[in-house]
């Protein structure tokens, strides 16, 4: 059974092998105990994975906070630059309108002469 990989074109998984071997060693009672061990192993694996995940989060938290601070500075700089550009555009439009108005007034004055 240890080397058995397929049975009737169907794969045999490790948990099925473990249960079959346990049943072979001690019948239903041994199989039941093996199921319990398998469930406990799975729970332990999940706990280890969760602990690793939390550790990764904790190690990454300072980096995340630093990046967020940098992004906020960049955002504020962009907002300031955008406001400066907006003010410059408004100023240029006002200059253009004033210049355009002067040219228009000169044309009107010359037409009435």
PDB file of N, CA and C in Angstrom:
ATOM      1  N   UNK A   1       0.833  -1.192   0.000  1.00  0.00           N
ATOM      2  CA  UNK A   1       0.000   0.000   0.000  1.00  0.00           C
ATOM      3  C   UNK A   1       0.875   1.252   0.000  1.00  0.00           C
ATOM      4  N   UNK A   2       2.068   1.183   0.593  1.00  0.00           N
ATOM      5  CA  UNK A   2       2.924   2.371   0.680  1.00  0.00           C
ATOM      6  C   UNK A   2       3.276   2.944  -0.690  1.00  0.00           C
ATOM      7  N   UNK A   3       3.472   2.098  -1.673  1.00  0.00           N
ATOM      8  CA  UNK A   3       3.872   2.563  -3.004  1.00  0.00           C
ATOM      9  C   UNK A   3       2.689   2.763  -3.934  1.00  0.00           C
ATOM     10  N   UNK A   4       1.498   2.442  -3.505  1.00  0.00           N
ATOM     11  CA  UNK A   4       0.307   2.561  -4.338  1.00  0.00           C
ATOM     12  C   UNK A   4      -0.020   4.032  -4.593  1.00  0.00           C
ATOM     13  N   UNK A   5      -0.116   4.379  -5.869  1.00  0.00           N
ATOM     14  CA  UNK A   5      -0.409   5.769  -6.241  1.00  0.00           C
ATOM     15  C   UNK A   5      -1.791   5.907  -6.889  1.00  0.00           C
ATOM     16  N   UNK A   6      -2.210   4.880  -7.628  1.00  0.00           N
ATOM     17  CA  UNK A   6      -3.496   4.913  -8.322  1.00  0.00           C
ATOM     18  C   UNK A   6      -4.230   3.600  -8.100  1.00  0.00           C
ATOM     19  N   UNK A   7      -5.560   3.673  -8.092  1.00  0.00           N
ATOM     20  CA  UNK A   7      -6.392   2.483  -8.010  1.00  0.00           C
ATOM     21  C   UNK A   7      -7.560   2.703  -8.973  1.00  0.00           C
ATOM     22  N   UNK A   8      -7.625   1.871  -9.989  1.00  0.00           N
ATOM     23  CA  UNK A   8      -8.658   2.006 -11.025  1.00  0.00           C
ATOM     24  C   UNK A   8      -8.650   3.412 -11.630  1.00  0.00           C
ATOM     25  N   UNK A   9      -7.487   3.869 -12.042  1.00  0.00           N
ATOM     26  CA  UNK A   9      -7.301   5.166 -12.690  1.00  0.00           C
ATOM     27  C   UNK A   9      -7.664   6.348 -11.802  1.00  0.00           C
ATOM     28  N   UNK A  10      -7.820   6.109 -10.539  1.00  0.00           N
ATOM     29  CA  UNK A  10      -8.142   7.168  -9.582  1.00  0.00           C
ATOM     30  C   UNK A  10      -6.953   7.343  -8.655  1.00  0.00           C
ATOM     31  N   UNK A  11      -6.496   8.578  -8.444  1.00  0.00           N
ATOM     32  CA  UNK A  11      -5.342   8.758  -7.558  1.00  0.00           C
ATOM     33  C   UNK A  11      -5.697   8.439  -6.117  1.00  0.00           C
ATOM     34  N   UNK A  12      -4.692   7.953  -5.405  1.00  0.00           N
ATOM     35  CA  UNK A  12      -4.868   7.670  -3.984  1.00  0.00           C
ATOM     36  C   UNK A  12      -4.077   8.724  -3.226  1.00  0.00           C
ATOM     37  N   UNK A  13      -4.747   9.453  -2.381  1.00  0.00           N
ATOM     38  CA  UNK A  13      -4.129  10.547  -1.658  1.00  0.00           C
ATOM     39  C   UNK A  13      -3.534  10.061  -0.351  1.00  0.00           C
ATOM     40  N   UNK A  14      -2.632  10.867   0.199  1.00  0.00           N
ATOM     41  CA  UNK A  14      -1.920  10.486   1.420  1.00  0.00           C
ATOM     42  C   UNK A  14      -2.870  10.215   2.582  1.00  0.00           C
ATOM     43  N   UNK A  15      -3.901  11.034   2.729  1.00  0.00           N
ATOM     44  CA  UNK A  15      -4.817  10.814   3.855  1.00  0.00           C
ATOM     45  C   UNK A  15      -5.556   9.483   3.714  1.00  0.00           C
ATOM     46  N   UNK A  16      -5.894   9.089   2.482  1.00  0.00           N
ATOM     47  CA  UNK A  16      -6.546   7.797   2.276  1.00  0.00           C
ATOM     48  C   UNK A  16      -5.596   6.656   2.641  1.00  0.00           C
ATOM     49  N   UNK A  17      -4.317   6.810   2.263  1.00  0.00           N
ATOM     50  CA  UNK A  17      -3.332   5.779   2.599  1.00  0.00           C
ATOM     51  C   UNK A  17      -3.174   5.654   4.110  1.00  0.00           C
ATOM     52  N   UNK A  18      -3.075   6.790   4.767  1.00  0.00           N
ATOM     53  CA  UNK A  18      -2.904   6.768   6.227  1.00  0.00           C
ATOM     54  C   UNK A  18      -4.069   6.060   6.909  1.00  0.00           C
ATOM     55  N   UNK A  19      -5.283   6.368   6.456  1.00  0.00           N
ATOM     56  CA  UNK A  19      -6.466   5.734   7.061  1.00  0.00           C
ATOM     57  C   UNK A  19      -6.503   4.231   6.776  1.00  0.00           C
ATOM     58  N   UNK A  20      -6.149   3.858   5.557  1.00  0.00           N
ATOM     59  CA  UNK A  20      -6.164   2.432   5.205  1.00  0.00           C
ATOM     60  C   UNK A  20      -5.107   1.671   6.008  1.00  0.00           C
ATOM     61  N   UNK A  21      -3.928   2.246   6.147  1.00  0.00           N
ATOM     62  CA  UNK A  21      -2.874   1.591   6.930  1.00  0.00           C
ATOM     63  C   UNK A  21      -3.278   1.490   8.400  1.00  0.00           C
ATOM     64  N   UNK A  22      -3.916   2.545   8.924  1.00  0.00           N
ATOM     65  CA  UNK A  22      -4.370   2.515  10.320  1.00  0.00           C
ATOM     66  C   UNK A  22      -5.418   1.432  10.514  1.00  0.00           C
ATOM     67  N   UNK A  23      -6.329   1.330   9.585  1.00  0.00           N
ATOM     68  CA  UNK A  23      -7.352   0.288   9.670  1.00  0.00           C
ATOM     69  C   UNK A  23      -6.698  -1.095   9.636  1.00  0.00           C
ATOM     70  N   UNK A  24      -5.661  -1.217   8.797  1.00  0.00           N
ATOM     71  CA  UNK A  24      -4.947  -2.493   8.707  1.00  0.00           C
ATOM     72  C   UNK A  24      -4.225  -2.825  10.008  1.00  0.00           C
ATOM     73  N   UNK A  25      -3.769  -1.836  10.732  1.00  0.00           N
ATOM     74  CA  UNK A  25      -3.061  -2.078  11.997  1.00  0.00           C
ATOM     75  C   UNK A  25      -4.013  -2.419  13.135  1.00  0.00           C
ATOM     76  N   UNK A  26      -5.189  -1.734  13.172  1.00  0.00           N
ATOM     77  CA  UNK A  26      -6.021  -1.936  14.360  1.00  0.00           C
ATOM     78  C   UNK A  26      -7.506  -1.808  14.121  1.00  0.00           C
ATOM     79  N   UNK A  27      -7.928  -1.894  12.903  1.00  0.00           N
ATOM     80  CA  UNK A  27      -9.359  -1.866  12.628  1.00  0.00           C
ATOM     81  C   UNK A  27      -9.952  -0.473  12.755  1.00  0.00           C
ATOM     82  N   UNK A  28     -11.242  -0.475  13.040  1.00  0.00           N
ATOM     83  CA  UNK A  28     -12.004   0.770  13.091  1.00  0.00           C
ATOM     84  C   UNK A  28     -11.485   1.728  14.165  1.00  0.00           C
ATOM     85  N   UNK A  29     -11.100   1.175  15.316  1.00  0.00           N
ATOM     86  CA  UNK A  29     -10.636   2.019  16.417  1.00  0.00           C
ATOM     87  C   UNK A  29      -9.349   2.763  16.027  1.00  0.00           C
ATOM     88  N   UNK A  30      -8.408   2.072  15.435  1.00  0.00           N
ATOM     89  CA  UNK A  30      -7.139   2.699  15.011  1.00  0.00           C
ATOM     90  C   UNK A  30      -7.396   3.736  13.912  1.00  0.00           C
ATOM     91  N   UNK A  31      -8.320   3.413  13.008  1.00  0.00           N
ATOM     92  CA  UNK A  31      -8.666   4.354  11.931  1.00  0.00           C
ATOM     93  C   UNK A  31      -9.255   5.637  12.524  1.00  0.00           C
ATOM     94  N   UNK A  32     -10.109   5.496  13.509  1.00  0.00           N
ATOM     95  CA  UNK A  32     -10.718   6.643  14.171  1.00  0.00           C
ATOM     96  C   UNK A  32      -9.650   7.504  14.856  1.00  0.00           C
ATOM     97  N   UNK A  33      -8.714   6.877  15.514  1.00  0.00           N
ATOM     98  CA  UNK A  33      -7.628   7.620  16.157  1.00  0.00           C
ATOM     99  C   UNK A  33      -6.760   8.349  15.122  1.00  0.00           C
ATOM    100  N   UNK A  34      -6.537   7.678  13.991  1.00  0.00           N
ATOM    101  CA  UNK A  34      -5.734   8.301  12.921  1.00  0.00           C
ATOM    102  C   UNK A  34      -6.462   9.538  12.367  1.00  0.00           C
ATOM    103  N   UNK A  35      -7.789   9.431  12.217  1.00  0.00           N
ATOM    104  CA  UNK A  35      -8.567  10.601  11.769  1.00  0.00           C
ATOM    105  C   UNK A  35      -8.404  11.767  12.738  1.00  0.00           C
ATOM    106  N   UNK A  36      -8.464  11.460  14.023  1.00  0.00           N
ATOM    107  CA  UNK A  36      -8.304  12.491  15.047  1.00  0.00           C
ATOM    108  C   UNK A  36      -6.923  13.132  14.939  1.00  0.00           C
ATOM    109  N   UNK A  37      -5.877  12.292  14.779  1.00  0.00           N
ATOM    110  CA  UNK A  37      -4.515  12.825  14.630  1.00  0.00           C
ATOM    111  C   UNK A  37      -4.401  13.711  13.396  1.00  0.00           C
ATOM    112  N   UNK A  38      -5.035  13.279  12.305  1.00  0.00           N
ATOM    113  CA  UNK A  38      -4.977  14.062  11.062  1.00  0.00           C
ATOM    114  C   UNK A  38      -5.658  15.420  11.249  1.00  0.00           C
ATOM    115  N   UNK A  39      -6.792  15.426  11.939  1.00  0.00           N
ATOM    116  CA  UNK A  39      -7.483  16.692  12.199  1.00  0.00           C
ATOM    117  C   UNK A  39      -6.638  17.601  13.085  1.00  0.00           C
ATOM    118  N   UNK A  40      -5.991  17.045  14.096  1.00  0.00           N
ATOM    119  CA  UNK A  40      -5.133  17.831  14.975  1.00  0.00           C
ATOM    120  C   UNK A  40      -3.941  18.401  14.209  1.00  0.00           C
ATOM    121  N   UNK A  41      -3.363  17.578  13.335  1.00  0.00           N
ATOM    122  CA  UNK A  41      -2.245  18.052  12.513  1.00  0.00           C
ATOM    123  C   UNK A  41      -2.681  19.215  11.626  1.00  0.00           C
ATOM    124  N   UNK A  42      -3.871  19.066  11.066  1.00  0.00           N
ATOM    125  CA  UNK A  42      -4.378  20.131  10.194  1.00  0.00           C
ATOM    126  C   UNK A  42      -4.603  21.416  10.996  1.00  0.00           C
ATOM    127  N   UNK A  43      -5.158  21.298  12.183  1.00  0.00           N
ATOM    128  CA  UNK A  43      -5.372  22.463  13.046  1.00  0.00           C
ATOM    129  C   UNK A  43      -4.043  23.122  13.405  1.00  0.00           C
ATOM    130  N   UNK A  44      -3.045  22.305  13.737  1.00  0.00           N
ATOM    131  CA  UNK A  44      -1.726  22.845  14.073  1.00  0.00           C
ATOM    132  C   UNK A  44      -1.108  23.567  12.873  1.00  0.00           C
ATOM    133  N   UNK A  45      -1.274  23.000  11.702  1.00  0.00           N
ATOM    134  CA  UNK A  45      -0.744  23.634  10.490  1.00  0.00           C
ATOM    135  C   UNK A  45      -1.425  24.986  10.249  1.00  0.00           C
ATOM    136  N   UNK A  46      -2.739  25.017  10.440  1.00  0.00           N
ATOM    137  CA  UNK A  46      -3.466  26.276  10.261  1.00  0.00           C
ATOM    138  C   UNK A  46      -3.019  27.324  11.283  1.00  0.00           C
ATOM    139  N   UNK A  47      -2.799  26.885  12.523  1.00  0.00           N
ATOM    140  CA  UNK A  47      -2.324  27.812  13.560  1.00  0.00           C
ATOM    141  C   UNK A  47      -0.941  28.350  13.219  1.00  0.00           C
ATOM    142  N   UNK A  48      -0.051  27.466  12.724  1.00  0.00           N
ATOM    143  CA  UNK A  48       1.292  27.906  12.324  1.00  0.00           C
ATOM    144  C   UNK A  48       1.210  28.915  11.182  1.00  0.00           C
ATOM    145  N   UNK A  49       0.362  28.607  10.203  1.00  0.00           N
ATOM    146  CA  UNK A  49       0.198  29.527   9.069  1.00  0.00           C
ATOM    147  C   UNK A  49      -0.326  30.878   9.528  1.00  0.00           C
ATOM    148  N   UNK A  50      -1.291  30.865  10.426  1.00  0.00           N
ATOM    149  CA  UNK A  50      -1.852  32.118  10.946  1.00  0.00           C
ATOM    150  C   UNK A  50      -0.802  32.902  11.719  1.00  0.00           C
ATOM    151  N   UNK A  51      -0.002  32.200  12.516  1.00  0.00           N
ATOM    152  CA  UNK A  51       1.062  32.874  13.270  1.00  0.00           C
ATOM    153  C   UNK A  51       2.090  33.480  12.325  1.00  0.00           C
ATOM    154  N   UNK A  52       2.450  32.743  11.273  1.00  0.00           N
ATOM    155  CA  UNK A  52       3.391  33.282  10.273  1.00  0.00           C
ATOM    156  C   UNK A  52       2.803  34.513   9.596  1.00  0.00           C
ATOM    157  N   UNK A  53       1.522  34.447   9.258  1.00  0.00           N
ATOM    158  CA  UNK A  53       0.865  35.572   8.593  1.00  0.00           C
ATOM    159  C   UNK A  53       0.872  36.803   9.494  1.00  0.00           C
ATOM    160  N   UNK A  54       0.559  36.611  10.762  1.00  0.00           N
ATOM    161  CA  UNK A  54       0.563  37.738  11.701  1.00  0.00           C
ATOM    162  C   UNK A  54       1.973  38.305  11.850  1.00  0.00           C
ATOM    163  N   UNK A  55       2.966  37.430  11.892  1.00  0.00           N
ATOM    164  CA  UNK A  55       4.357  37.880  11.994  1.00  0.00           C
ATOM    165  C   UNK A  55       4.746  38.712  10.769  1.00  0.00           C
ATOM    166  N   UNK A  56       4.358  38.239   9.596  1.00  0.00           N
ATOM    167  CA  UNK A  56       4.642  39.003   8.371  1.00  0.00           C
ATOM    168  C   UNK A  56       3.967  40.369   8.409  1.00  0.00           C
ATOM    169  N   UNK A  57       2.735  40.409   8.874  1.00  0.00           N
ATOM    170  CA  UNK A  57       2.021  41.682   8.975  1.00  0.00           C
ATOM    171  C   UNK A  57       2.746  42.629   9.925  1.00  0.00           C
ATOM    172  N   UNK A  58       3.162  42.119  11.064  1.00  0.00           N
ATOM    173  CA  UNK A  58       3.849  42.952  12.053  1.00  0.00           C
ATOM    174  C   UNK A  58       5.182  43.460  11.524  1.00  0.00           C
ATOM    175  N   UNK A  59       5.916  42.583  10.830  1.00  0.00           N
ATOM    176  CA  UNK A  59       7.199  43.016  10.266  1.00  0.00           C
ATOM    177  C   UNK A  59       7.005  44.040   9.161  1.00  0.00           C
ATOM    178  N   UNK A  60       5.908  43.927   8.424  1.00  0.00           N
ATOM    179  CA  UNK A  60       5.657  44.833   7.311  1.00  0.00           C
ATOM    180  C   UNK A  60       4.982  46.136   7.707  1.00  0.00           C
ATOM    181  N   UNK A  61       4.428  46.187   8.911  1.00  0.00           N
ATOM    182  CA  UNK A  61       3.686  47.377   9.344  1.00  0.00           C
ATOM    183  C   UNK A  61       4.531  48.653   9.311  1.00  0.00           C
ATOM    184  N   UNK A  62       5.773  48.661   9.851  1.00  0.00           N
ATOM    185  CA  UNK A  62       6.570  49.900   9.786  1.00  0.00           C
ATOM    186  C   UNK A  62       6.849  50.346   8.345  1.00  0.00           C
ATOM    187  N   UNK A  63       7.113  49.391   7.476  1.00  0.00           N
ATOM    188  CA  UNK A  63       7.346  49.727   6.078  1.00  0.00           C
ATOM    189  C   UNK A  63       6.094  50.324   5.447  1.00  0.00           C
ATOM    190  N   UNK A  64       4.953  49.728   5.745  1.00  0.00           N
ATOM    191  CA  UNK A  64       3.681  50.235   5.216  1.00  0.00           C
ATOM    192  C   UNK A  64       3.432  51.658   5.712  1.00  0.00           C
ATOM    193  N   UNK A  65       3.654  51.886   7.006  1.00  0.00           N
ATOM    194  CA  UNK A  65       3.432  53.222   7.561  1.00  0.00           C
ATOM    195  C   UNK A  65       4.375  54.238   6.936  1.00  0.00           C
ATOM    196  N   UNK A  66       5.628  53.841   6.718  1.00  0.00           N
ATOM    197  CA  UNK A  66       6.593  54.742   6.089  1.00  0.00           C
ATOM    198  C   UNK A  66       6.157  55.087   4.675  1.00  0.00           C
ATOM    199  N   UNK A  67       5.734  54.079   3.923  1.00  0.00           N
ATOM    200  CA  UNK A  67       5.271  54.330   2.545  1.00  0.00           C
ATOM    201  C   UNK A  67       4.046  55.230   2.536  1.00  0.00           C
ATOM    202  N   UNK A  68       3.128  55.012   3.466  1.00  0.00           N
ATOM    203  CA  UNK A  68       1.936  55.857   3.523  1.00  0.00           C
ATOM    204  C   UNK A  68       2.313  57.307   3.820  1.00  0.00           C
ATOM    205  N   UNK A  69       3.278  57.512   4.715  1.00  0.00           N
ATOM    206  CA  UNK A  69       3.731  58.874   5.005  1.00  0.00           C
ATOM    207  C   UNK A  69       4.326  59.511   3.757  1.00  0.00           C
ATOM    208  N   UNK A  70       5.167  58.749   3.040  1.00  0.00           N
ATOM    209  CA  UNK A  70       5.765  59.263   1.809  1.00  0.00           C
ATOM    210  C   UNK A  70       4.687  59.607   0.784  1.00  0.00           C
ATOM    211  N   UNK A  71       3.674  58.737   0.658  1.00  0.00           N
ATOM    212  CA  UNK A  71       2.592  59.001  -0.286  1.00  0.00           C
ATOM    213  C   UNK A  71       1.811  60.258   0.097  1.00  0.00           C
ATOM    214  N   UNK A  72       1.603  60.440   1.407  1.00  0.00           N
ATOM    215  CA  UNK A  72       0.876  61.633   1.850  1.00  0.00           C
ATOM    216  C   UNK A  72       1.674  62.894   1.518  1.00  0.00           C
ATOM    217  N   UNK A  73       2.992  62.852   1.715  1.00  0.00           N
ATOM    218  CA  UNK A  73       3.835  63.996   1.369  1.00  0.00           C
ATOM    219  C   UNK A  73       3.755  64.256  -0.129  1.00  0.00           C
ATOM    220  N   UNK A  74       3.835  63.188  -0.913  1.00  0.00           N
ATOM    221  CA  UNK A  74       3.732  63.341  -2.365  1.00  0.00           C
ATOM    222  C   UNK A  74       2.370  63.901  -2.758  1.00  0.00           C
ATOM    223  N   UNK A  75       1.327  63.430  -2.101  1.00  0.00           N
ATOM    224  CA  UNK A  75      -0.020  63.911  -2.399  1.00  0.00           C
ATOM    225  C   UNK A  75      -0.149  65.398  -2.066  1.00  0.00           C
ATOM    226  N   UNK A  76       0.352  65.783  -0.913  1.00  0.00           N
ATOM    227  CA  UNK A  76       0.293  67.193  -0.525  1.00  0.00           C
ATOM    228  C   UNK A  76       1.108  68.051  -1.484  1.00  0.00           C
ATOM    229  N   UNK A  77       2.278  67.558  -1.884  1.00  0.00           N
ATOM    230  CA  UNK A  77       3.099  68.280  -2.856  1.00  0.00           C
ATOM    231  C   UNK A  77       2.355  68.430  -4.169  1.00  0.00           C
ATOM    232  N   UNK A  78       1.705  67.353  -4.598  1.00  0.00           N
ATOM    233  CA  UNK A  78       0.935  67.395  -5.856  1.00  0.00           C
ATOM    234  C   UNK A  78      -0.209  68.381  -5.734  1.00  0.00           C
ATOM    235  N   UNK A  79      -0.903  68.365  -4.600  1.00  0.00           N
ATOM    236  CA  UNK A  79      -2.008  69.309  -4.407  1.00  0.00           C
ATOM    237  C   UNK A  79      -1.496  70.739  -4.469  1.00  0.00           C
ATOM    238  N   UNK A  80      -0.343  70.996  -3.822  1.00  0.00           N
ATOM    239  CA  UNK A  80       0.240  72.334  -3.839  1.00  0.00           C
ATOM    240  C   UNK A  80       0.621  72.724  -5.257  1.00  0.00           C
ATOM    241  N   UNK A  81       1.262  71.786  -5.980  1.00  0.00           N
ATOM    242  CA  UNK A  81       1.645  72.059  -7.364  1.00  0.00           C
ATOM    243  C   UNK A  81       0.411  72.307  -8.222  1.00  0.00           C
ATOM    244  N   UNK A  82      -0.621  71.493  -8.040  1.00  0.00           N
ATOM    245  CA  UNK A  82      -1.854  71.669  -8.804  1.00  0.00           C
ATOM    246  C   UNK A  82      -2.469  73.038  -8.532  1.00  0.00           C
ATOM    247  N   UNK A  83      -2.458  73.457  -7.280  1.00  0.00           N
ATOM    248  CA  UNK A  83      -3.016  74.765  -6.932  1.00  0.00           C
ATOM    249  C   UNK A  83      -2.180  75.877  -7.550  1.00  0.00           C
ATOM    250  N   UNK A  84      -0.858  75.714  -7.532  1.00  0.00           N
ATOM    251  CA  UNK A  84       0.003  76.721  -8.155  1.00  0.00           C
ATOM    252  C   UNK A  84      -0.252  76.800  -9.653  1.00  0.00           C
ATOM    253  N   UNK A  85      -0.400  75.651 -10.288  1.00  0.00           N
ATOM    254  CA  UNK A  85      -0.685  75.621 -11.732  1.00  0.00           C
ATOM    255  C   UNK A  85      -2.038  76.267 -12.001  1.00  0.00           C
ATOM    256  N   UNK A  86      -3.031  75.982 -11.178  1.00  0.00           N
ATOM    257  CA  UNK A  86      -4.363  76.579 -11.357  1.00  0.00           C
ATOM    258  C   UNK A  86      -4.289  78.101 -11.230  1.00  0.00           C
ATOM    259  N   UNK A  87      -3.561  78.562 -10.216  1.00  0.00           N
ATOM    260  CA  UNK A  87      -3.425  80.006 -10.028  1.00  0.00           C
ATOM    261  C   UNK A  87      -2.695  80.640 -11.207  1.00  0.00           C
ATOM    262  N   UNK A  88      -1.674  79.950 -11.718  1.00  0.00           N
ATOM    263  CA  UNK A  88      -0.936  80.462 -12.881  1.00  0.00           C
ATOM    264  C   UNK A  88      -1.843  80.540 -14.101  1.00  0.00           C
ATOM    265  N   UNK A  89      -2.667  79.532 -14.316  1.00  0.00           N
ATOM    266  CA  UNK A  89      -3.603  79.553 -15.446  1.00  0.00           C
ATOM    267  C   UNK A  89      -4.601  80.699 -15.319  1.00  0.00           C
ATOM    268  N   UNK A  90      -5.122  80.865 -14.105  1.00  0.00           N
ATOM    269  CA  UNK A  90      -6.070  81.964 -13.878  1.00  0.00           C
ATOM    270  C   UNK A  90      -5.397  83.296 -14.170  1.00  0.00           C
ATOM    271  N   UNK A  91      -4.186  83.442 -13.685  1.00  0.00           N
ATOM    272  CA  UNK A  91      -3.432  84.682 -13.908  1.00  0.00           C
ATOM    273  C   UNK A  91      -3.212  84.910 -15.397  1.00  0.00           C
ATOM    274  N   UNK A  92      -2.818  83.874 -16.116  1.00  0.00           N
ATOM    275  CA  UNK A  92      -2.589  84.007 -17.560  1.00  0.00           C
ATOM    276  C   UNK A  92      -3.892  84.345 -18.282  1.00  0.00           C
ATOM    277  N   UNK A  93      -4.988  83.706 -17.864  1.00  0.00           N
ATOM    278  CA  UNK A  93      -6.276  84.019 -18.493  1.00  0.00           C
ATOM    279  C   UNK A  93      -6.657  85.460 -18.246  1.00  0.00           C
ATOM    280  N   UNK A  94      -6.425  85.934 -17.023  1.00  0.00           N
ATOM    281  CA  UNK A  94      -6.754  87.327 -16.716  1.00  0.00           C
ATOM    282  C   UNK A  94      -5.869  88.275 -17.515  1.00  0.00           C
ATOM    283  N   UNK A  95      -4.574  87.919 -17.610  1.00  0.00           N
ATOM    284  CA  UNK A  95      -3.670  88.737 -18.427  1.00  0.00           C
ATOM    285  C   UNK A  95      -4.126  88.751 -19.876  1.00  0.00           C
ATOM    286  N   UNK A  96      -4.498  87.586 -20.384  1.00  0.00           N
ATOM    287  CA  UNK A  96      -4.945  87.499 -21.768  1.00  0.00           C
ATOM    288  C   UNK A  96      -6.212  88.325 -21.972  1.00  0.00           C
ATOM    289  N   UNK A  97      -7.144  88.182 -21.028  1.00  0.00           N
ATOM    290  CA  UNK A  97      -8.398  88.923 -21.159  1.00  0.00           C
ATOM    291  C   UNK A  97      -8.130  90.426 -21.085  1.00  0.00           C
ATOM    292  N   UNK A  98      -7.217  90.822 -20.212  1.00  0.00           N
ATOM    293  CA  UNK A  98      -6.887  92.237 -20.104  1.00  0.00           C
ATOM    294  C   UNK A  98      -6.219  92.710 -21.387  1.00  0.00           C
ATOM    295  N   UNK A  99      -5.263  91.942 -21.888  1.00  0.00           N
ATOM    296  CA  UNK A  99      -4.571  92.296 -23.124  1.00  0.00           C
ATOM    297  C   UNK A  99      -5.546  92.285 -24.286  1.00  0.00           C
ATOM    298  N   UNK A 100      -6.366  91.279 -24.349  1.00  0.00           N
ATOM    299  CA  UNK A 100      -7.353  91.177 -25.420  1.00  0.00           C
ATOM    300  C   UNK A 100      -8.320  92.355 -25.348  1.00  0.00           C
ATOM    301  N   UNK A 101      -8.686  92.703 -24.131  1.00  0.00           N
ATOM    302  CA  UNK A 101      -9.586  93.846 -23.963  1.00  0.00           C
ATOM    303  C   UNK A 101      -8.944  95.139 -24.423  1.00  0.00           C
ATOM    304  N   UNK A 102      -7.666  95.347 -24.137  1.00  0.00           N
ATOM    305  CA  UNK A 102      -6.955  96.544 -24.587  1.00  0.00           C
ATOM    306  C   UNK A 102      -6.889  96.593 -26.094  1.00  0.00           C
ATOM    307  N   UNK A 103      -6.572  95.477 -26.716  1.00  0.00           N
ATOM    308  CA  UNK A 103      -6.510  95.431 -28.176  1.00  0.00           C
ATOM    309  C   UNK A 103      -7.891  95.710 -28.755  1.00  0.00           C
ATOM    310  N   UNK A 104      -8.909  95.128 -28.159  1.00  0.00           N
ATOM    311  CA  UNK A 104     -10.267  95.337 -28.633  1.00  0.00           C
ATOM    312  C   UNK A 104     -10.654  96.810 -28.497  1.00  0.00           C
ATOM    313  N   UNK A 105     -10.307  97.405 -27.353  1.00  0.00           N
ATOM    314  CA  UNK A 105     -10.623  98.826 -27.152  1.00  0.00           C
ATOM    315  C   UNK A 105      -9.904  99.694 -28.163  1.00  0.00           C
ATOM    316  N   UNK A 106      -8.646  99.368 -28.501  1.00  0.00           N
ATOM    317  CA  UNK A 106      -7.892 100.150 -29.474  1.00  0.00           C
ATOM    318  C   UNK A 106      -8.550 100.064 -30.839  1.00  0.00           C
ATOM    319  N   UNK A 107      -9.030  98.839 -31.186  1.00  0.00           N
ATOM    320  CA  UNK A 107      -9.690  98.665 -32.483  1.00  0.00           C
ATOM    321  C   UNK A 107     -10.971  99.485 -32.520  1.00  0.00           C
ATOM    322  N   UNK A 108     -11.727  99.453 -31.443  1.00  0.00           N
ATOM    323  CA  UNK A 108     -12.977 100.207 -31.386  1.00  0.00           C
ATOM    324  C   UNK A 108     -12.683 101.701 -31.483  1.00  0.00           C
ATOM    325  N   UNK A 109     -11.659 102.176 -30.796  1.00  0.00           N
ATOM    326  CA  UNK A 109     -11.311 103.605 -30.831  1.00  0.00           C
ATOM    327  C   UNK A 109     -10.910 104.000 -32.240  1.00  0.00           C
ATOM    328  N   UNK A 110     -10.116 103.195 -32.924  1.00  0.00           N
ATOM    329  CA  UNK A 110      -9.674 103.525 -34.271  1.00  0.00           C
ATOM    330  C   UNK A 110     -10.847 103.509 -35.240  1.00  0.00           C
ATOM    331  N   UNK A 111     -11.827 102.654 -35.034  1.00  0.00           N
ATOM    332  CA  UNK A 111     -12.973 102.611 -35.931  1.00  0.00           C
ATOM    333  C   UNK A 111     -13.806 103.880 -35.824  1.00  0.00           C
ATOM    334  N   UNK A 112     -13.855 104.484 -34.655  1.00  0.00           N
ATOM    335  CA  UNK A 112     -14.662 105.680 -34.478  1.00  0.00           C
ATOM    336  C   UNK A 112     -13.915 106.936 -34.864  1.00  0.00           C
ATOM    337  N   UNK A 113     -12.660 106.886 -35.158  1.00  0.00           N
ATOM    338  CA  UNK A 113     -11.913 108.080 -35.544  1.00  0.00           C
ATOM    339  C   UNK A 113     -12.225 108.489 -36.911  1.00  0.00           C
TER     340      UNK A 113
END
